[in-house]
Protein backbone atom coordinates (compact mmCIF):
# COMPACT_ATOMS: atom_id res chain seq x y z
CA MET A 1 0.59 -11.76 22.54
CA SER A 2 0.02 -8.64 24.60
CA GLU A 3 0.68 -5.05 23.54
CA PRO A 4 3.99 -3.46 24.60
CA THR A 5 3.71 -1.58 27.88
CA GLU A 6 5.26 1.78 26.94
CA LEU A 7 4.76 2.95 23.36
CA LEU A 8 7.57 5.10 22.00
CA PHE A 9 6.38 5.07 18.39
CA GLU A 10 3.19 3.98 16.67
CA GLU A 11 2.22 4.23 13.01
CA ASN A 12 -0.77 2.83 11.14
CA GLN A 13 -0.68 2.39 7.40
CA TYR A 14 -3.87 1.94 5.44
CA GLN A 15 -4.41 -0.26 2.40
CA GLY A 16 -6.20 2.33 0.27
CA LEU A 17 -3.44 4.94 0.46
CA ASN A 18 -1.10 3.08 -1.88
CA LYS A 19 -0.97 5.64 -4.71
CA HIS A 20 -0.27 3.20 -7.51
CA SER A 21 -3.12 0.88 -6.55
CA LEU A 22 -5.38 3.90 -6.22
CA VAL A 23 -4.42 5.11 -9.70
CA ARG A 24 -5.12 1.65 -11.16
CA ARG A 25 -8.55 1.56 -9.51
CA MET A 26 -9.38 5.09 -10.71
CA LEU A 27 -8.35 4.23 -14.29
CA LEU A 28 -10.54 1.14 -14.17
CA SER A 29 -13.52 3.16 -12.95
CA VAL A 30 -12.94 5.86 -15.62
CA PHE A 31 -12.87 3.11 -18.25
CA CYS A 32 -16.18 1.77 -16.91
CA PHE A 33 -17.80 5.21 -17.00
CA VAL A 34 -16.53 5.87 -20.53
CA ALA A 35 -17.91 2.50 -21.63
CA TYR A 36 -21.23 3.41 -19.98
CA TYR A 37 -21.32 6.74 -21.80
CA TRP A 38 -20.44 5.06 -25.08
CA SER A 39 -23.27 2.53 -24.60
CA GLU A 40 -25.78 5.32 -23.93
CA ASN A 41 -24.58 7.31 -26.97
CA PRO A 42 -23.81 4.57 -29.51
CA LYS A 43 -23.33 6.89 -32.49
CA PRO A 44 -19.90 7.01 -34.12
CA VAL A 45 -17.69 9.83 -32.82
CA THR A 46 -14.91 11.45 -34.78
CA VAL A 47 -12.27 13.19 -32.73
CA SER A 48 -9.46 15.07 -34.46
CA ILE A 49 -7.03 12.15 -34.07
CA ILE A 50 -9.15 8.98 -33.80
CA HIS A 51 -12.48 7.61 -34.97
CA ILE A 52 -14.62 5.76 -32.41
CA GLY A 53 -17.13 3.47 -34.08
CA GLU A 54 -20.63 2.52 -33.08
CA TYR A 55 -21.21 0.66 -29.79
CA PRO A 56 -21.02 -3.07 -30.61
CA GLY A 57 -23.59 -4.51 -28.23
CA ASP A 58 -26.84 -4.34 -26.36
CA VAL A 59 -27.46 -1.02 -24.63
CA ARG A 60 -28.06 -2.77 -21.29
CA TYR A 61 -24.34 -3.60 -21.06
CA GLY A 62 -23.84 0.06 -20.25
CA GLU A 63 -25.74 -0.32 -16.98
CA LEU A 64 -23.34 -3.09 -15.98
CA PHE A 65 -20.36 -0.83 -16.70
CA PHE A 66 -21.94 1.97 -14.65
CA VAL A 67 -22.53 -0.32 -11.65
CA LEU A 68 -19.03 -1.74 -11.98
CA GLY A 69 -17.54 1.79 -12.02
CA LEU A 70 -19.49 2.68 -8.86
CA ALA A 71 -18.38 -0.56 -7.19
CA VAL A 72 -14.71 0.19 -7.92
CA LEU A 73 -15.10 3.70 -6.50
CA GLY A 74 -16.86 2.29 -3.42
CA LEU A 75 -14.09 -0.26 -2.92
CA SER A 76 -11.51 2.53 -3.11
CA VAL A 77 -13.30 4.48 -0.39
CA VAL A 78 -13.61 1.41 1.85
CA LEU A 79 -9.91 0.59 1.43
CA LEU A 80 -9.00 4.04 2.80
CA PHE A 81 -10.18 2.78 6.21
CA VAL A 82 -8.71 -0.75 6.10
CA ARG A 83 -5.51 -0.92 8.12
CA HIS A 84 -2.80 -2.95 6.44
CA MET A 85 0.04 -2.65 8.91
CA ARG A 86 0.75 -1.23 12.34
CA THR A 87 4.30 -0.50 13.52
CA ILE A 88 4.88 -0.23 17.27
CA VAL A 89 8.17 0.49 19.07
CA SER A 90 8.46 0.00 22.82
CA ASN A 91 11.49 0.03 25.11
CA GLU A 92 12.53 -3.52 24.21
CA GLN A 93 10.95 -4.50 20.91
CA LEU A 94 9.63 -3.47 17.54
CA VAL A 95 6.30 -5.07 16.65
CA ILE A 96 4.79 -5.08 13.16
CA ARG A 97 1.20 -6.29 12.94
CA ALA A 98 -0.81 -7.12 9.84
CA ASN A 99 -4.59 -7.36 9.84
CA PHE A 100 -5.32 -9.47 6.75
CA PRO A 101 -4.22 -12.18 7.42
CA PRO A 102 -3.54 -11.53 11.09
CA ARG A 103 0.21 -11.91 11.55
CA VAL A 104 2.76 -10.43 13.93
CA THR A 105 6.50 -9.96 13.54
CA THR A 106 8.49 -9.03 16.64
CA LEU A 107 12.09 -7.85 16.61
CA GLN A 108 14.04 -7.34 19.82
CA LEU A 109 15.83 -3.98 19.84
CA ALA A 110 18.87 -5.64 21.41
CA ASP A 111 19.28 -7.75 18.23
CA ILE A 112 19.50 -4.72 15.92
CA SER A 113 23.04 -3.72 14.91
CA ASP A 114 22.37 -0.97 12.34
CA VAL A 115 19.50 1.34 11.37
CA ARG A 116 19.29 3.59 8.33
CA LYS A 117 16.69 5.29 6.17
CA VAL A 118 16.40 4.11 2.57
CA GLN A 119 14.69 5.85 -0.34
CA ILE A 120 12.92 3.54 -2.77
CA ARG A 121 11.87 4.21 -6.32
CA PRO A 122 8.17 4.71 -6.80
CA SER A 123 7.03 1.88 -9.01
CA ILE A 124 3.75 0.49 -10.17
CA PHE A 125 4.94 -2.87 -8.86
CA ASN A 126 5.31 -1.67 -5.23
CA ARG A 127 2.23 -3.38 -3.91
CA PRO A 128 1.45 -3.67 -0.22
CA VAL A 129 3.36 -6.61 1.25
CA PHE A 130 3.86 -8.03 4.72
CA GLN A 131 6.97 -10.11 5.40
CA LEU A 132 7.95 -10.58 1.76
CA GLN A 133 11.38 -12.22 1.58
CA THR A 134 13.30 -11.30 -1.57
CA LYS A 135 17.01 -10.92 -2.30
CA GLY A 136 17.98 -11.61 1.30
CA LYS A 137 15.72 -8.87 2.70
CA VAL A 138 12.40 -9.08 4.50
CA ARG A 139 10.04 -6.30 3.38
CA PHE A 140 7.05 -4.70 5.06
CA TYR A 141 5.50 -2.08 2.82
CA THR A 142 2.18 -0.32 2.28
CA TRP A 143 2.85 2.94 0.43
CA GLY A 144 5.32 5.79 0.08
CA ASN A 145 8.97 6.08 -0.90
CA GLU A 146 10.77 5.72 2.46
CA MET A 147 11.85 2.59 4.25
CA VAL A 148 13.80 2.01 7.40
CA GLU A 149 16.42 -0.69 6.94
CA LEU A 150 17.29 -2.70 10.04
CA THR A 151 20.31 -4.99 10.04
CA LEU A 152 20.26 -7.61 12.77
CA LYS A 153 23.35 -8.98 14.47
CA ASN A 154 22.83 -12.30 12.65
CA GLY A 155 23.01 -10.47 9.27
CA LYS A 156 19.32 -10.57 8.40
CA ILE A 157 17.97 -7.35 6.84
CA TYR A 158 14.47 -6.00 7.44
CA ARG A 159 12.98 -3.12 5.44
CA ILE A 160 9.95 -1.44 6.97
CA GLY A 161 7.94 1.05 4.94
CA THR A 162 7.02 4.19 6.85
CA GLN A 163 5.81 7.73 6.36
CA ARG A 164 7.85 8.97 9.32
CA GLY A 165 11.26 7.51 8.46
CA ALA A 166 13.48 10.14 10.08
CA GLU A 167 11.59 9.94 13.36
CA LEU A 168 11.71 6.13 13.45
CA VAL A 169 15.44 6.02 12.59
CA THR A 170 16.29 8.56 15.31
CA LEU A 171 14.22 6.69 17.88
CA LEU A 172 15.70 3.29 17.03
CA LYS A 173 19.27 4.60 17.01
CA ASN A 174 18.70 6.09 20.47
CA GLN A 175 17.25 2.81 21.74
CA ILE A 176 19.95 0.46 20.42
CA ILE A 177 22.90 2.47 21.82
């Protein structure tokens, strides 16, 4: 399928920018580095509230935790450059492309009956999805708390995650009139 001829709107969303996934990866790497430190200093530690006992294993396990912590940090950096989704609006259609796996969803602007911006609750369960069909809605989401909700003339509802929701809504409303 060829690219649209005249681009009116284009937005790329990257996999590593999902804040909740990033927080989970950072917590995992902090845990690995704490476990590494604990393995290198196996003496019992008494903090005002808790007592941390002696390290229960071979000291070489600490090296594994250190490497694992570095690997998680490296993965987080790499994911900042991995594109998850690309949204393109031309004169006649809206195209949403995913890279992994390579999939394309095309909506004709003439089929859209209503466009509105929707705020979503930030949640730890908002993982990046492409064409997830739940509760009668088809979702495309990478990160953030804004979505553009498109209602088609046949009643199908599409929700597209975006960082530039107001701009996309204004553009689509102008195109479908």
